[in-house]
Each structure stands twice: as C-alpha cells, then as structure tokens.
Protein backbone atom coordinates (compact mmCIF):
# COMPACT_ATOMS: atom_id res chain seq x y z
CA MET A 1 -88.96 9.22 -25.59
CA GLU A 2 -90.25 6.24 -23.61
CA LEU A 3 -92.50 3.75 -25.37
CA ARG A 4 -95.87 3.36 -23.65
CA GLY A 5 -98.77 1.25 -24.79
CA ASP A 6 -102.45 2.05 -24.95
CA VAL A 7 -104.59 -0.93 -23.97
CA TYR A 8 -107.70 0.85 -25.28
CA ASP A 9 -106.28 0.91 -28.84
CA HIS A 10 -107.21 -2.35 -30.57
CA ASN A 11 -103.98 -2.21 -32.61
CA CYS A 12 -101.70 -1.95 -29.57
CA PRO A 13 -99.86 -5.12 -28.44
CA THR A 14 -100.79 -4.28 -24.84
CA ARG A 15 -104.32 -5.45 -25.63
CA VAL A 16 -103.07 -9.00 -26.31
CA ILE A 17 -100.88 -9.04 -23.20
CA ALA A 18 -103.76 -7.73 -21.07
CA ASN A 19 -105.97 -10.48 -22.45
CA HIS A 20 -103.39 -13.15 -21.56
CA ALA A 21 -102.87 -11.81 -18.03
CA THR A 22 -106.47 -10.98 -17.17
CA GLY A 23 -108.33 -13.63 -19.14
CA ARG A 24 -110.16 -16.44 -17.42
CA TRP A 25 -107.25 -18.88 -17.17
CA GLY A 26 -104.28 -16.51 -17.26
CA SER A 27 -105.34 -14.59 -14.18
CA LEU A 28 -106.01 -17.79 -12.24
CA ALA A 29 -102.65 -19.31 -13.21
CA LEU A 30 -100.78 -16.13 -12.31
CA ALA A 31 -102.50 -15.88 -8.93
CA LYS A 32 -101.73 -19.54 -8.13
CA LEU A 33 -98.07 -19.10 -9.07
CA LEU A 34 -97.87 -16.31 -6.53
CA ASP A 35 -97.77 -19.16 -3.97
CA GLY A 36 -94.46 -20.31 -5.50
CA THR A 37 -93.01 -22.55 -8.19
CA LYS A 38 -95.36 -25.27 -9.38
CA ARG A 39 -95.27 -28.18 -11.74
CA PHE A 40 -97.80 -28.46 -14.56
CA GLY A 41 -99.86 -31.12 -12.78
CA GLU A 42 -99.99 -29.08 -9.58
CA LEU A 43 -101.32 -26.07 -11.44
CA ARG A 44 -103.88 -28.20 -13.23
CA ARG A 45 -105.16 -29.60 -9.91
CA GLU A 46 -105.26 -26.19 -8.23
CA VAL A 47 -106.94 -24.34 -11.11
CA THR A 48 -109.92 -26.63 -11.42
CA GLY A 49 -111.89 -26.84 -14.62
CA ILE A 50 -109.02 -26.12 -17.00
CA SER A 51 -108.04 -28.70 -19.61
CA GLU A 52 -104.42 -29.73 -20.12
CA LYS A 53 -104.44 -28.17 -23.57
CA MET A 54 -105.80 -24.84 -22.33
CA LEU A 55 -103.35 -24.72 -19.41
CA ALA A 56 -100.45 -25.45 -21.76
CA GLN A 57 -101.58 -22.69 -24.16
CA THR A 58 -102.11 -20.26 -21.29
CA LEU A 59 -98.68 -20.90 -19.78
CA GLN A 60 -97.06 -20.57 -23.21
CA ALA A 61 -98.70 -17.19 -23.77
CA LEU A 62 -97.73 -15.98 -20.29
CA GLU A 63 -94.16 -17.19 -20.84
CA ARG A 64 -93.96 -15.39 -24.19
CA ASP A 65 -95.21 -12.18 -22.54
CA GLY A 66 -92.48 -12.42 -19.90
CA LEU A 67 -94.83 -13.12 -16.98
CA VAL A 68 -94.00 -16.79 -16.40
CA ARG A 69 -90.69 -18.66 -16.39
CA ARG A 70 -90.61 -22.27 -17.60
CA GLU A 71 -87.70 -24.37 -16.36
CA VAL A 72 -87.09 -27.84 -17.79
CA HIS A 73 -85.03 -30.15 -15.57
CA PRO A 74 -82.95 -32.78 -17.41
CA VAL A 75 -84.26 -35.78 -15.49
CA ILE A 76 -86.28 -38.85 -16.34
CA PRO A 77 -89.21 -38.56 -16.27
CA PRO A 78 -88.99 -34.96 -17.49
CA ARG A 79 -89.79 -32.32 -14.90
CA VAL A 80 -90.95 -28.83 -15.79
CA ASP A 81 -91.42 -26.07 -13.23
CA TYR A 82 -93.33 -22.84 -13.70
CA SER A 83 -92.69 -19.69 -11.69
CA LEU A 84 -93.34 -15.99 -11.95
CA THR A 85 -90.88 -13.50 -13.38
CA THR A 86 -90.52 -10.07 -11.80
CA LEU A 87 -93.17 -8.76 -14.20
CA GLY A 88 -95.37 -11.76 -13.44
CA THR A 89 -95.06 -11.27 -9.69
CA HIS A 90 -96.15 -7.66 -9.99
CA ALA A 91 -99.15 -8.60 -12.14
CA ALA A 92 -100.08 -11.57 -9.94
CA LYS A 93 -100.09 -9.44 -6.78
CA GLN A 94 -102.56 -7.03 -8.33
CA ILE A 95 -104.75 -9.84 -9.66
CA SER A 96 -104.66 -11.61 -6.31
CA GLU A 97 -105.70 -8.40 -4.56
CA LEU A 98 -108.66 -8.07 -6.92
CA PHE A 99 -109.61 -11.72 -6.33
CA GLY A 100 -109.49 -11.16 -2.57
CA TRP A 101 -111.71 -8.11 -2.88
CA ILE A 102 -114.20 -10.10 -4.98
CA GLU A 103 -114.22 -12.95 -2.45
CA GLU A 104 -114.74 -10.55 0.46
CA ASN A 105 -117.62 -8.86 -1.33
CA LEU A 106 -119.36 -12.04 -2.46
CA PRO A 107 -122.49 -11.32 -0.35
CA ASN A 108 -122.81 -7.89 -2.02
CA PHE A 109 -122.46 -9.40 -5.49
CA LEU A 110 -125.01 -12.12 -4.77
CA ALA A 111 -127.47 -9.55 -3.41
CA ALA A 112 -127.00 -7.38 -6.51
CA GLN A 113 -127.56 -10.37 -8.78
CA GLU A 114 -130.69 -11.39 -6.90
CA GLU A 115 -132.02 -7.83 -7.06
CA TYR A 116 -131.31 -7.68 -10.80
CA ASP A 117 -132.93 -11.06 -11.45
CA THR A 118 -136.01 -10.00 -9.47
CA ARG A 119 -136.30 -6.80 -11.52
CA GLN A 120 -135.92 -8.72 -14.76
CA THR A 121 -138.56 -11.28 -13.76
CA GLY A 122 -140.96 -8.46 -12.84
CA ASN A 123 -140.44 -6.79 -16.24
CA VAL A 124 -141.40 -9.84 -18.27
C-alpha cells in the first residue's frame, strides 16, 4: 500500500510542506531558483522585501522538505549555492505557471478589487 498524504487533514505532514512551498517566501524562492543555481545574496536581491533571517529560515525549511539543495563550497570567503532538487523543480514549475497566470490576469484582478471596494463603500 502506497503512503499518500492528505493536505486537508491538519495532522498530516503534507500541510507543513505545502505551507513551506506555497507560503509567501517559499513560493517566491522556489520560482526564482527555477532560473538556475543562485547564491544567498542573489536570491535576497531578486526576492525583494525579504529579510536575511526570513530567507535563511525559508531556504532551510525547503531544504529539509527536499525541495532545495544547499551546496557549501570550501573556499574563502565561504560560498553557498542553492538549487532545486527534482521535487523542487516540479513544484517550482507549477508555482511559476500560477504566477504567470496571475500576472497575465492582473487587469481582471484589479477590476474585481475596484468593483468590490465600490460595493463596500456603497454599503457603508
């Protein structure tokens, strides 16, 4: 019998992994790593708004889940590269596709938000 998770069950470990991969910073880091191997500083510059501490925690969680590979090079100064694993590549492709769809549909989202805000203002 094959083990399969249930992300809708709050006791299932898939819920934690889904949170790491689809959370605010995890999804952005995964999508950026789809472009190729990056150093910590590169990721921090490309995923604007994230603190060093939060990026480090995010990458650690993604590494623990098997989505990101961390490679330390024995040089001075130390150099650490981050890349996607096979699992990470699969997840990042799906996330990137969703991001593209969101970007393409930005006018529709903005119109919906404006319509909602207008309705809410009228109901006050």
